[in-house]
N, C-alpha and C. Protein backbone atom coordinates (compact mmCIF):
# COMPACT_ATOMS: atom_id res chain seq x y z
N UNK A 1 0.85 -1.17 0.00
CA UNK A 1 0.00 0.00 0.00
C UNK A 1 0.89 1.23 0.00
N UNK A 2 0.44 2.24 -0.67
CA UNK A 2 1.16 3.51 -0.73
C UNK A 2 0.29 4.54 -0.03
N UNK A 3 0.90 5.36 0.83
CA UNK A 3 0.15 6.36 1.57
C UNK A 3 0.86 7.70 1.52
N UNK A 4 0.06 8.72 1.35
CA UNK A 4 0.54 10.08 1.44
C UNK A 4 -0.60 10.95 1.93
N UNK A 5 -0.29 12.06 2.53
CA UNK A 5 -1.33 12.96 3.03
C UNK A 5 -1.03 14.37 2.57
N UNK A 6 -2.10 15.13 2.35
CA UNK A 6 -1.94 16.52 1.92
C UNK A 6 -2.79 17.42 2.80
N UNK A 7 -2.41 18.68 2.83
CA UNK A 7 -3.21 19.73 3.44
C UNK A 7 -2.84 21.03 2.75
N UNK A 8 -3.58 22.08 3.03
CA UNK A 8 -3.26 23.37 2.43
C UNK A 8 -1.86 23.76 2.88
N UNK A 9 -1.02 24.08 1.93
CA UNK A 9 0.36 24.52 2.14
C UNK A 9 1.29 23.44 2.70
N UNK A 10 0.91 22.17 2.59
CA UNK A 10 1.75 21.12 3.14
C UNK A 10 1.40 19.77 2.54
N UNK A 11 2.35 18.83 2.59
CA UNK A 11 2.09 17.45 2.20
C UNK A 11 3.06 16.54 2.94
N UNK A 12 2.65 15.29 3.13
CA UNK A 12 3.52 14.33 3.80
C UNK A 12 4.46 13.69 2.79
N UNK A 13 5.41 12.95 3.29
CA UNK A 13 6.22 12.12 2.43
C UNK A 13 5.37 10.97 1.92
N UNK A 14 5.73 10.42 0.78
CA UNK A 14 5.06 9.24 0.26
C UNK A 14 5.62 8.03 0.99
N UNK A 15 4.75 7.19 1.56
CA UNK A 15 5.18 6.05 2.37
C UNK A 15 4.66 4.76 1.76
N UNK A 16 5.53 3.77 1.63
CA UNK A 16 5.16 2.45 1.15
C UNK A 16 4.99 1.55 2.37
N UNK A 17 3.80 1.00 2.56
CA UNK A 17 3.49 0.19 3.73
C UNK A 17 3.60 -1.28 3.35
N UNK A 18 4.43 -2.01 4.06
CA UNK A 18 4.66 -3.43 3.80
C UNK A 18 3.58 -4.29 4.45
N UNK A 19 3.31 -5.43 3.88
CA UNK A 19 2.42 -6.40 4.49
C UNK A 19 0.96 -6.20 4.12
N UNK A 20 0.14 -7.04 4.68
CA UNK A 20 -1.29 -7.02 4.42
C UNK A 20 -1.95 -5.91 5.22
N UNK A 21 -2.82 -5.19 4.54
CA UNK A 21 -3.52 -4.09 5.20
C UNK A 21 -4.91 -4.58 5.60
N UNK A 22 -5.09 -4.83 6.87
CA UNK A 22 -6.40 -5.21 7.39
C UNK A 22 -7.17 -3.95 7.78
N UNK A 23 -8.46 -4.11 8.02
CA UNK A 23 -9.27 -2.96 8.43
C UNK A 23 -8.74 -2.37 9.74
N UNK A 24 -8.40 -3.23 10.68
CA UNK A 24 -7.88 -2.74 11.96
C UNK A 24 -6.56 -2.00 11.77
N UNK A 25 -5.69 -2.57 10.96
CA UNK A 25 -4.39 -1.92 10.73
C UNK A 25 -4.59 -0.58 10.01
N UNK A 26 -5.51 -0.56 9.04
CA UNK A 26 -5.77 0.67 8.31
C UNK A 26 -6.28 1.76 9.26
N UNK A 27 -7.22 1.41 10.10
CA UNK A 27 -7.75 2.38 11.06
C UNK A 27 -6.65 2.87 12.00
N UNK A 28 -5.87 1.94 12.53
CA UNK A 28 -4.83 2.31 13.49
C UNK A 28 -3.63 2.99 12.88
N UNK A 29 -3.12 2.43 11.77
CA UNK A 29 -1.87 2.93 11.20
C UNK A 29 -2.06 4.09 10.23
N UNK A 30 -3.21 4.17 9.59
CA UNK A 30 -3.40 5.19 8.56
C UNK A 30 -4.38 6.27 9.02
N UNK A 31 -5.62 5.89 9.30
CA UNK A 31 -6.64 6.90 9.61
C UNK A 31 -6.35 7.66 10.89
N UNK A 32 -5.95 6.96 11.94
CA UNK A 32 -5.74 7.63 13.21
C UNK A 32 -4.44 8.43 13.26
N UNK A 33 -3.48 8.09 12.43
CA UNK A 33 -2.18 8.77 12.50
C UNK A 33 -1.97 9.81 11.41
N UNK A 34 -2.77 9.76 10.33
CA UNK A 34 -2.51 10.64 9.18
C UNK A 34 -3.81 11.23 8.65
N UNK A 35 -3.69 12.30 7.96
CA UNK A 35 -4.86 12.94 7.34
C UNK A 35 -5.41 12.05 6.24
N UNK A 36 -6.74 12.06 6.09
CA UNK A 36 -7.36 11.29 5.02
C UNK A 36 -6.96 11.90 3.67
N UNK A 37 -6.73 11.05 2.68
CA UNK A 37 -6.28 11.59 1.39
C UNK A 37 -7.40 12.35 0.67
N UNK A 38 -7.02 13.45 0.03
CA UNK A 38 -7.99 14.27 -0.69
C UNK A 38 -7.78 14.24 -2.20
N UNK A 39 -6.56 13.98 -2.64
CA UNK A 39 -6.31 14.01 -4.09
C UNK A 39 -6.79 12.72 -4.70
N UNK A 40 -7.56 12.81 -5.77
CA UNK A 40 -8.03 11.62 -6.47
C UNK A 40 -7.59 11.64 -7.93
N UNK A 41 -7.98 12.62 -8.65
CA UNK A 41 -7.80 12.61 -10.10
C UNK A 41 -6.42 13.01 -10.58
N UNK A 42 -5.76 13.93 -9.92
CA UNK A 42 -4.49 14.45 -10.42
C UNK A 42 -3.44 13.34 -10.55
N UNK A 43 -3.13 12.58 -9.48
CA UNK A 43 -2.13 11.52 -9.64
C UNK A 43 -2.57 10.44 -10.62
N UNK A 44 -3.85 10.10 -10.62
CA UNK A 44 -4.34 9.06 -11.53
C UNK A 44 -4.10 9.43 -12.98
N UNK A 45 -4.38 10.67 -13.33
CA UNK A 45 -4.15 11.11 -14.71
C UNK A 45 -2.67 11.08 -15.04
N UNK A 46 -1.84 11.50 -14.11
CA UNK A 46 -0.40 11.54 -14.38
C UNK A 46 0.17 10.13 -14.49
N UNK A 47 -0.28 9.20 -13.64
CA UNK A 47 0.21 7.82 -13.72
C UNK A 47 -0.24 7.18 -15.02
N UNK A 48 -1.48 7.44 -15.44
CA UNK A 48 -1.96 6.83 -16.68
C UNK A 48 -1.22 7.36 -17.90
N UNK A 49 -0.55 8.49 -17.77
CA UNK A 49 0.22 9.04 -18.88
C UNK A 49 1.66 8.55 -18.92
N UNK A 50 2.04 7.69 -17.97
CA UNK A 50 3.40 7.16 -17.99
C UNK A 50 3.59 6.33 -19.26
N UNK A 51 4.81 6.33 -19.83
CA UNK A 51 5.02 5.71 -21.14
C UNK A 51 4.83 4.19 -21.19
N UNK A 52 5.09 3.46 -20.11
CA UNK A 52 4.96 2.01 -20.15
C UNK A 52 4.64 1.47 -18.76
N UNK A 53 4.19 0.24 -18.73
CA UNK A 53 3.92 -0.39 -17.44
C UNK A 53 5.23 -0.71 -16.74
N UNK A 54 5.24 -0.59 -15.45
CA UNK A 54 6.44 -0.89 -14.66
C UNK A 54 6.70 -2.39 -14.70
N UNK A 55 7.96 -2.75 -14.85
CA UNK A 55 8.34 -4.16 -14.91
C UNK A 55 8.68 -4.73 -13.54
N UNK A 56 9.01 -3.87 -12.59
CA UNK A 56 9.37 -4.34 -11.25
C UNK A 56 8.70 -3.46 -10.21
N UNK A 57 8.62 -3.96 -8.98
CA UNK A 57 8.06 -3.18 -7.89
C UNK A 57 8.90 -1.93 -7.64
N UNK A 58 10.21 -2.07 -7.74
CA UNK A 58 11.09 -0.91 -7.53
C UNK A 58 10.82 0.17 -8.57
N UNK A 59 10.61 -0.24 -9.83
CA UNK A 59 10.33 0.73 -10.89
C UNK A 59 8.98 1.41 -10.64
N UNK A 60 7.98 0.64 -10.21
CA UNK A 60 6.68 1.22 -9.92
C UNK A 60 6.78 2.22 -8.77
N UNK A 61 7.50 1.86 -7.72
CA UNK A 61 7.68 2.78 -6.59
C UNK A 61 8.33 4.07 -7.06
N UNK A 62 9.34 3.95 -7.90
CA UNK A 62 10.03 5.14 -8.41
C UNK A 62 9.07 6.01 -9.21
N UNK A 63 8.31 5.39 -10.12
CA UNK A 63 7.40 6.15 -10.98
C UNK A 63 6.29 6.83 -10.17
N UNK A 64 5.73 6.11 -9.19
CA UNK A 64 4.69 6.72 -8.34
C UNK A 64 5.28 7.88 -7.54
N UNK A 65 6.51 7.71 -7.06
CA UNK A 65 7.19 8.79 -6.34
C UNK A 65 7.40 10.02 -7.20
N UNK A 66 7.76 9.81 -8.46
CA UNK A 66 7.95 10.93 -9.39
C UNK A 66 6.62 11.66 -9.59
N UNK A 67 5.54 10.89 -9.78
CA UNK A 67 4.22 11.51 -9.97
C UNK A 67 3.82 12.29 -8.72
N UNK A 68 4.00 11.68 -7.53
CA UNK A 68 3.65 12.35 -6.27
C UNK A 68 4.39 13.67 -6.15
N UNK A 69 5.68 13.65 -6.43
CA UNK A 69 6.48 14.87 -6.32
C UNK A 69 6.11 15.91 -7.36
N UNK A 70 5.53 15.47 -8.49
CA UNK A 70 5.20 16.41 -9.56
C UNK A 70 3.90 17.18 -9.31
N UNK A 71 3.10 16.73 -8.35
CA UNK A 71 1.86 17.46 -8.03
C UNK A 71 2.26 18.70 -7.23
N UNK A 72 1.98 19.85 -7.81
CA UNK A 72 2.41 21.09 -7.16
C UNK A 72 1.55 21.39 -5.94
N UNK A 73 2.12 22.12 -5.01
CA UNK A 73 1.36 22.52 -3.83
C UNK A 73 0.19 23.40 -4.23
N UNK A 74 0.35 24.16 -5.30
CA UNK A 74 -0.75 25.00 -5.79
C UNK A 74 -1.94 24.13 -6.23
N UNK A 75 -1.66 22.99 -6.92
CA UNK A 75 -2.74 22.08 -7.31
C UNK A 75 -3.45 21.52 -6.08
N UNK A 76 -2.68 21.13 -5.08
CA UNK A 76 -3.26 20.59 -3.84
C UNK A 76 -4.12 21.65 -3.16
N UNK A 77 -3.58 22.86 -3.02
CA UNK A 77 -4.31 23.94 -2.36
C UNK A 77 -5.62 24.24 -3.09
N UNK A 78 -5.56 24.32 -4.43
CA UNK A 78 -6.77 24.61 -5.21
C UNK A 78 -7.81 23.51 -5.02
N UNK A 79 -7.37 22.26 -5.01
CA UNK A 79 -8.29 21.15 -4.82
C UNK A 79 -8.96 21.22 -3.45
N UNK A 80 -8.16 21.43 -2.41
CA UNK A 80 -8.73 21.47 -1.06
C UNK A 80 -9.67 22.66 -0.89
N UNK A 81 -9.33 23.78 -1.48
CA UNK A 81 -10.19 24.97 -1.36
C UNK A 81 -11.49 24.82 -2.13
N UNK A 82 -11.51 23.91 -3.11
CA UNK A 82 -12.72 23.72 -3.92
C UNK A 82 -13.69 22.71 -3.32
N UNK A 83 -13.30 22.03 -2.26
CA UNK A 83 -14.15 20.96 -1.70
C UNK A 83 -15.51 21.49 -1.28
N UNK A 84 -15.58 22.58 -0.54
CA UNK A 84 -16.86 23.12 -0.07
C UNK A 84 -17.76 23.44 -1.25
N UNK A 85 -17.22 24.10 -2.26
CA UNK A 85 -18.02 24.45 -3.44
C UNK A 85 -18.56 23.20 -4.12
N UNK A 86 -17.72 22.17 -4.27
CA UNK A 86 -18.15 20.95 -4.94
C UNK A 86 -19.19 20.19 -4.13
N UNK A 87 -19.06 20.18 -2.82
CA UNK A 87 -20.06 19.53 -1.97
C UNK A 87 -21.39 20.27 -2.08
N UNK A 88 -21.33 21.60 -2.06
CA UNK A 88 -22.56 22.39 -2.18
C UNK A 88 -23.24 22.14 -3.53
N UNK A 89 -22.45 22.01 -4.61
CA UNK A 89 -23.02 21.70 -5.92
C UNK A 89 -23.71 20.34 -5.92
N UNK A 90 -23.11 19.36 -5.27
CA UNK A 90 -23.72 18.02 -5.18
C UNK A 90 -25.05 18.08 -4.44
N UNK A 91 -25.09 18.83 -3.35
CA UNK A 91 -26.32 18.96 -2.57
C UNK A 91 -27.39 19.65 -3.40
N UNK A 92 -27.01 20.69 -4.13
CA UNK A 92 -27.95 21.43 -4.97
C UNK A 92 -28.51 20.54 -6.07
N UNK A 93 -27.67 19.70 -6.67
CA UNK A 93 -28.10 18.82 -7.76
C UNK A 93 -29.02 17.71 -7.28
N UNK A 94 -28.96 17.38 -6.01
CA UNK A 94 -29.76 16.30 -5.45
C UNK A 94 -31.17 16.73 -5.36
């Protein structure tokens, strides 16, 4: 499992978690200790644009790290600041 956390004007290091992730471990090791992840689309689009599939776990870790580092703090800040507006739009559409 790969974990990272973001907030306005800040982000955590990208962490690779070894072993099986159970619900209890996820709650204890991830949710209780770190901010819930907010970025969804930005890294996904960037990873899907990589030129080829990774041949090894080490190569995949490197490529995901490059993508994580390429997301600017401005992109993160804009995304987080837009959450209230997007939630309000969802409520209005309902």
